[in-house]
Amino acid sequence: MMQHDLSRTSPVSLISKQRPSPVSPHDAPDPHNFAETLPTEMSVRIFGELDAESLCSAAQTCKLWHHIIEGSDQVWRRQCLLVRAVCQREVDTDRRHGLSWKVTLVKNYPRSCVKSAWLSGSFSHVRSAAELIGRIMTPLDAETWGEILQAELDR
């Protein structure tokens, strides 16, 4: 079992306002780190409730959390299926090409955010490129631009 990374403070210990005590590799598990005390399957279910950004942050909390999150296809699949709601063609193509759920999510998440914003009309009244400064943009293929154009025509 991997030990808790002591160079970072667990968000759970910050919430409880208790100072983490120094732990040597021979001590009992940290009671503030649920992943050390629960079966891995339960930790996976807990991590599975996080959104994509929170999941990536949680993976940086400690080595154990990173190990559990990175090793769980189930966690990444759930998030990827949410992205698929906006980018079905892209996600399906990546999966057919053998990409993992995590790689597919990382590749398509920014695209789904931009595509969703375009389709919802967030950019319907942009008059110049200057209005897009500070917005996250990503390349979109011709089929996606066709969907966006059709959505604009339907408005």
C-alpha atoms as a PDB file:
ATOM      1  CA  MET A   1       0.000   0.000   0.000  1.00  0.00           C
ATOM      2  CA  MET A   2       1.334   3.445  -0.890  1.00  0.00           C
ATOM      3  CA  GLN A   3       1.983   5.895   1.937  1.00  0.00           C
ATOM      4  CA  HIS A   4       0.437   9.350   2.217  1.00  0.00           C
ATOM      5  CA  ASP A   5       2.583  12.087   0.647  1.00  0.00           C
ATOM      6  CA  LEU A   6       3.505  14.275   3.593  1.00  0.00           C
ATOM      7  CA  SER A   7       4.653  17.166   1.414  1.00  0.00           C
ATOM      8  CA  ARG A   8       1.001  18.106   0.845  1.00  0.00           C
ATOM      9  CA  THR A   9      -1.818  18.624   3.304  1.00  0.00           C
ATOM     10  CA  SER A  10      -4.943  16.606   2.684  1.00  0.00           C
ATOM     11  CA  PRO A  11      -8.051  18.711   1.953  1.00  0.00           C
ATOM     12  CA  VAL A  12      -9.821  16.569   4.528  1.00  0.00           C
ATOM     13  CA  SER A  13      -7.412  17.708   7.253  1.00  0.00           C
ATOM     14  CA  LEU A  14      -7.879  21.325   6.205  1.00  0.00           C
ATOM     15  CA  ILE A  15     -11.629  20.951   6.539  1.00  0.00           C
ATOM     16  CA  SER A  16     -11.350  19.316   9.954  1.00  0.00           C
ATOM     17  CA  LYS A  17      -8.966  22.102  11.118  1.00  0.00           C
ATOM     18  CA  GLN A  18      -6.730  19.566  12.808  1.00  0.00           C
ATOM     19  CA  ARG A  19      -3.032  19.695  12.153  1.00  0.00           C
ATOM     20  CA  PRO A  20      -1.734  16.551  10.502  1.00  0.00           C
ATOM     21  CA  SER A  21       0.703  14.745  12.720  1.00  0.00           C
ATOM     22  CA  PRO A  22       4.036  13.594  11.330  1.00  0.00           C
ATOM     23  CA  VAL A  23       3.652  10.032  10.083  1.00  0.00           C
ATOM     24  CA  SER A  24       6.483   7.640   9.559  1.00  0.00           C
ATOM     25  CA  PRO A  25       6.128   4.771   7.090  1.00  0.00           C
ATOM     26  CA  HIS A  26       5.689   2.423  10.059  1.00  0.00           C
ATOM     27  CA  ASP A  27       2.759   4.278  11.676  1.00  0.00           C
ATOM     28  CA  ALA A  28      -0.937   3.539  11.268  1.00  0.00           C
ATOM     29  CA  PRO A  29      -2.856   5.080   8.336  1.00  0.00           C
ATOM     30  CA  ASP A  30      -3.766   8.761   8.524  1.00  0.00           C
ATOM     31  CA  PRO A  31      -7.365   8.850   9.851  1.00  0.00           C
ATOM     32  CA  HIS A  32      -7.992  12.043   7.824  1.00  0.00           C
ATOM     33  CA  ASN A  33      -7.201  10.313   4.525  1.00  0.00           C
ATOM     34  CA  PHE A  34     -10.226   8.151   3.724  1.00  0.00           C
ATOM     35  CA  ALA A  35      -8.342   6.399   0.921  1.00  0.00           C
ATOM     36  CA  GLU A  36      -5.955   4.855   3.448  1.00  0.00           C
ATOM     37  CA  THR A  37      -8.750   3.355   5.505  1.00  0.00           C
ATOM     38  CA  LEU A  38     -11.388   2.397   2.899  1.00  0.00           C
ATOM     39  CA  PRO A  39     -11.181  -0.395   0.356  1.00  0.00           C
ATOM     40  CA  THR A  40      -9.935   0.891  -3.014  1.00  0.00           C
ATOM     41  CA  GLU A  41     -13.330   0.180  -4.619  1.00  0.00           C
ATOM     42  CA  MET A  42     -15.005   2.602  -2.188  1.00  0.00           C
ATOM     43  CA  SER A  43     -12.395   5.286  -2.839  1.00  0.00           C
ATOM     44  CA  VAL A  44     -13.001   4.859  -6.580  1.00  0.00           C
ATOM     45  CA  ARG A  45     -16.739   5.396  -6.015  1.00  0.00           C
ATOM     46  CA  ILE A  46     -16.034   8.551  -4.014  1.00  0.00           C
ATOM     47  CA  PHE A  47     -13.632   9.918  -6.628  1.00  0.00           C
ATOM     48  CA  GLY A  48     -16.187   9.012  -9.288  1.00  0.00           C
ATOM     49  CA  GLU A  49     -18.505  11.691  -7.898  1.00  0.00           C
ATOM     50  CA  LEU A  50     -16.040  14.476  -8.733  1.00  0.00           C
ATOM     51  CA  ASP A  51     -16.197  16.599 -11.875  1.00  0.00           C
ATOM     52  CA  ALA A  52     -13.250  16.477 -14.300  1.00  0.00           C
ATOM     53  CA  GLU A  53     -11.430  19.508 -12.887  1.00  0.00           C
ATOM     54  CA  SER A  54     -11.831  18.354  -9.271  1.00  0.00           C
ATOM     55  CA  LEU A  55     -10.689  14.879 -10.258  1.00  0.00           C
ATOM     56  CA  CYS A  56      -7.467  16.263 -11.725  1.00  0.00           C
ATOM     57  CA  SER A  57      -6.900  18.337  -8.569  1.00  0.00           C
ATOM     58  CA  ALA A  58      -7.567  15.339  -6.325  1.00  0.00           C
ATOM     59  CA  ALA A  59      -5.004  13.310  -8.268  1.00  0.00           C
ATOM     60  CA  GLN A  60      -2.396  15.869  -7.164  1.00  0.00           C
ATOM     61  CA  THR A  61      -3.286  15.666  -3.453  1.00  0.00           C
ATOM     62  CA  CYS A  62      -1.109  12.710  -2.509  1.00  0.00           C
ATOM     63  CA  LYS A  63       0.547   9.680  -4.052  1.00  0.00           C
ATOM     64  CA  LEU A  64      -2.195   7.318  -2.905  1.00  0.00           C
ATOM     65  CA  TRP A  65      -5.008   9.419  -4.383  1.00  0.00           C
ATOM     66  CA  HIS A  66      -2.987   9.792  -7.579  1.00  0.00           C
ATOM     67  CA  HIS A  67      -2.461   6.027  -7.768  1.00  0.00           C
ATOM     68  CA  ILE A  68      -6.157   5.275  -7.228  1.00  0.00           C
ATOM     69  CA  ILE A  69      -7.427   7.905  -9.677  1.00  0.00           C
ATOM     70  CA  GLU A  70      -4.885   7.182 -12.402  1.00  0.00           C
ATOM     71  CA  GLY A  71      -5.508   3.451 -12.126  1.00  0.00           C
ATOM     72  CA  SER A  72      -9.294   3.654 -12.337  1.00  0.00           C
ATOM     73  CA  ASP A  73     -10.750   3.436 -15.803  1.00  0.00           C
ATOM     74  CA  GLN A  74     -14.203   3.621 -14.165  1.00  0.00           C
ATOM     75  CA  VAL A  75     -13.599   7.165 -12.863  1.00  0.00           C
ATOM     76  CA  TRP A  76     -12.395   8.459 -16.243  1.00  0.00           C
ATOM     77  CA  ARG A  77     -15.150   6.635 -18.163  1.00  0.00           C
ATOM     78  CA  ARG A  78     -17.895   8.403 -16.222  1.00  0.00           C
ATOM     79  CA  GLN A  79     -16.413  11.840 -16.952  1.00  0.00           C
ATOM     80  CA  CYS A  80     -15.762  10.938 -20.563  1.00  0.00           C
ATOM     81  CA  LEU A  81     -19.393   9.940 -21.070  1.00  0.00           C
ATOM     82  CA  LEU A  82     -20.418  13.404 -19.864  1.00  0.00           C
ATOM     83  CA  VAL A  83     -18.135  14.961 -22.490  1.00  0.00           C
ATOM     84  CA  ARG A  84     -19.581  12.546 -25.051  1.00  0.00           C
ATOM     85  CA  ALA A  85     -22.980  14.222 -24.633  1.00  0.00           C
ATOM     86  CA  VAL A  86     -21.491  17.225 -26.482  1.00  0.00           C
ATOM     87  CA  CYS A  87     -18.757  15.546 -28.529  1.00  0.00           C
ATOM     88  CA  GLN A  88     -20.219  12.132 -29.372  1.00  0.00           C
ATOM     89  CA  ARG A  89     -18.521  11.742 -32.752  1.00  0.00           C
ATOM     90  CA  GLU A  90     -15.108  12.764 -31.405  1.00  0.00           C
ATOM     91  CA  VAL A  91     -15.264  10.543 -28.303  1.00  0.00           C
ATOM     92  CA  ASP A  92     -16.537   7.540 -30.259  1.00  0.00           C
ATOM     93  CA  THR A  93     -13.773   7.957 -32.845  1.00  0.00           C
ATOM     94  CA  ASP A  94     -11.072   8.161 -30.157  1.00  0.00           C
ATOM     95  CA  ARG A  95     -12.418   5.083 -28.392  1.00  0.00           C
ATOM     96  CA  ARG A  96     -12.542   3.146 -31.684  1.00  0.00           C
ATOM     97  CA  HIS A  97      -8.889   4.066 -32.182  1.00  0.00           C
ATOM     98  CA  GLY A  98      -8.082   2.437 -28.841  1.00  0.00           C
ATOM     99  CA  LEU A  99      -7.492   5.530 -26.708  1.00  0.00           C
ATOM    100  CA  SER A 100      -8.085   5.054 -22.977  1.00  0.00           C
ATOM    101  CA  TRP A 101     -10.981   6.769 -21.238  1.00  0.00           C
ATOM    102  CA  LYS A 102      -8.578   9.198 -19.572  1.00  0.00           C
ATOM    103  CA  VAL A 103      -6.747  10.138 -22.777  1.00  0.00           C
ATOM    104  CA  THR A 104     -10.086  10.517 -24.575  1.00  0.00           C
ATOM    105  CA  LEU A 105     -11.358  12.785 -21.800  1.00  0.00           C
ATOM    106  CA  VAL A 106      -8.214  14.929 -21.694  1.00  0.00           C
ATOM    107  CA  LYS A 107      -8.272  15.276 -25.478  1.00  0.00           C
ATOM    108  CA  ASN A 108     -11.967  16.161 -25.731  1.00  0.00           C
ATOM    109  CA  TYR A 109     -12.724  18.090 -22.530  1.00  0.00           C
ATOM    110  CA  PRO A 110     -11.563  21.512 -23.798  1.00  0.00           C
ATOM    111  CA  ARG A 111     -13.305  20.850 -27.104  1.00  0.00           C
ATOM    112  CA  SER A 112     -16.569  20.000 -25.324  1.00  0.00           C
ATOM    113  CA  CYS A 113     -16.422  23.224 -23.281  1.00  0.00           C
ATOM    114  CA  VAL A 114     -15.852  25.379 -26.373  1.00  0.00           C
ATOM    115  CA  LYS A 115     -18.380  23.488 -28.486  1.00  0.00           C
ATOM    116  CA  SER A 116     -20.984  23.690 -25.736  1.00  0.00           C
ATOM    117  CA  ALA A 117     -20.461  27.455 -25.421  1.00  0.00           C
ATOM    118  CA  TRP A 118     -20.800  27.934 -29.189  1.00  0.00           C
ATOM    119  CA  LEU A 119     -23.895  25.746 -29.417  1.00  0.00           C
ATOM    120  CA  SER A 120     -25.572  27.540 -26.516  1.00  0.00           C
ATOM    121  CA  GLY A 121     -25.149  30.883 -28.270  1.00  0.00           C
ATOM    122  CA  SER A 122     -22.437  32.322 -26.017  1.00  0.00           C
ATOM    123  CA  PHE A 123     -20.595  33.584 -29.078  1.00  0.00           C
ATOM    124  CA  SER A 124     -23.601  34.516 -31.217  1.00  0.00           C
ATOM    125  CA  HIS A 125     -22.934  38.250 -31.048  1.00  0.00           C
ATOM    126  CA  VAL A 126     -19.141  38.398 -31.201  1.00  0.00           C
ATOM    127  CA  ARG A 127     -18.139  41.340 -33.395  1.00  0.00           C
ATOM    128  CA  SER A 128     -14.363  40.928 -33.333  1.00  0.00           C
ATOM    129  CA  ALA A 129     -11.606  38.591 -32.240  1.00  0.00           C
ATOM    130  CA  ALA A 130     -10.778  41.032 -29.426  1.00  0.00           C
ATOM    131  CA  GLU A 131     -13.983  39.956 -27.666  1.00  0.00           C
ATOM    132  CA  LEU A 132     -12.608  36.417 -27.441  1.00  0.00           C
ATOM    133  CA  ILE A 133      -9.368  37.402 -25.681  1.00  0.00           C
ATOM    134  CA  GLY A 134      -9.058  35.466 -22.451  1.00  0.00           C
ATOM    135  CA  ARG A 135     -11.482  32.766 -23.603  1.00  0.00           C
ATOM    136  CA  ILE A 136     -10.197  29.234 -23.956  1.00  0.00           C
ATOM    137  CA  MET A 137     -10.365  28.173 -27.571  1.00  0.00           C
ATOM    138  CA  THR A 138      -9.421  24.920 -29.234  1.00  0.00           C
ATOM    139  CA  PRO A 139      -9.326  23.736 -32.850  1.00  0.00           C
ATOM    140  CA  LEU A 140     -12.624  22.331 -34.114  1.00  0.00           C
ATOM    141  CA  ASP A 141     -13.125  20.191 -37.212  1.00  0.00           C
ATOM    142  CA  ALA A 142     -15.338  21.048 -40.198  1.00  0.00           C
ATOM    143  CA  GLU A 143     -18.204  18.844 -38.976  1.00  0.00           C
ATOM    144  CA  THR A 144     -18.269  20.622 -35.619  1.00  0.00           C
ATOM    145  CA  TRP A 145     -18.268  24.027 -37.334  1.00  0.00           C
ATOM    146  CA  GLY A 146     -21.160  22.766 -39.446  1.00  0.00           C
ATOM    147  CA  GLU A 147     -23.108  21.910 -36.272  1.00  0.00           C
ATOM    148  CA  ILE A 148     -22.345  25.332 -34.817  1.00  0.00           C
ATOM    149  CA  LEU A 149     -23.373  27.121 -38.023  1.00  0.00           C
ATOM    150  CA  GLN A 150     -26.616  25.165 -38.129  1.00  0.00           C
ATOM    151  CA  ALA A 151     -27.325  26.069 -34.495  1.00  0.00           C
ATOM    152  CA  GLU A 152     -26.740  29.746 -35.324  1.00  0.00           C
ATOM    153  CA  LEU A 153     -29.053  29.561 -38.344  1.00  0.00           C
ATOM    154  CA  ASP A 154     -31.739  27.901 -36.204  1.00  0.00           C
ATOM    155  CA  ARG A 155     -31.658  30.708 -33.590  1.00  0.00           C
END
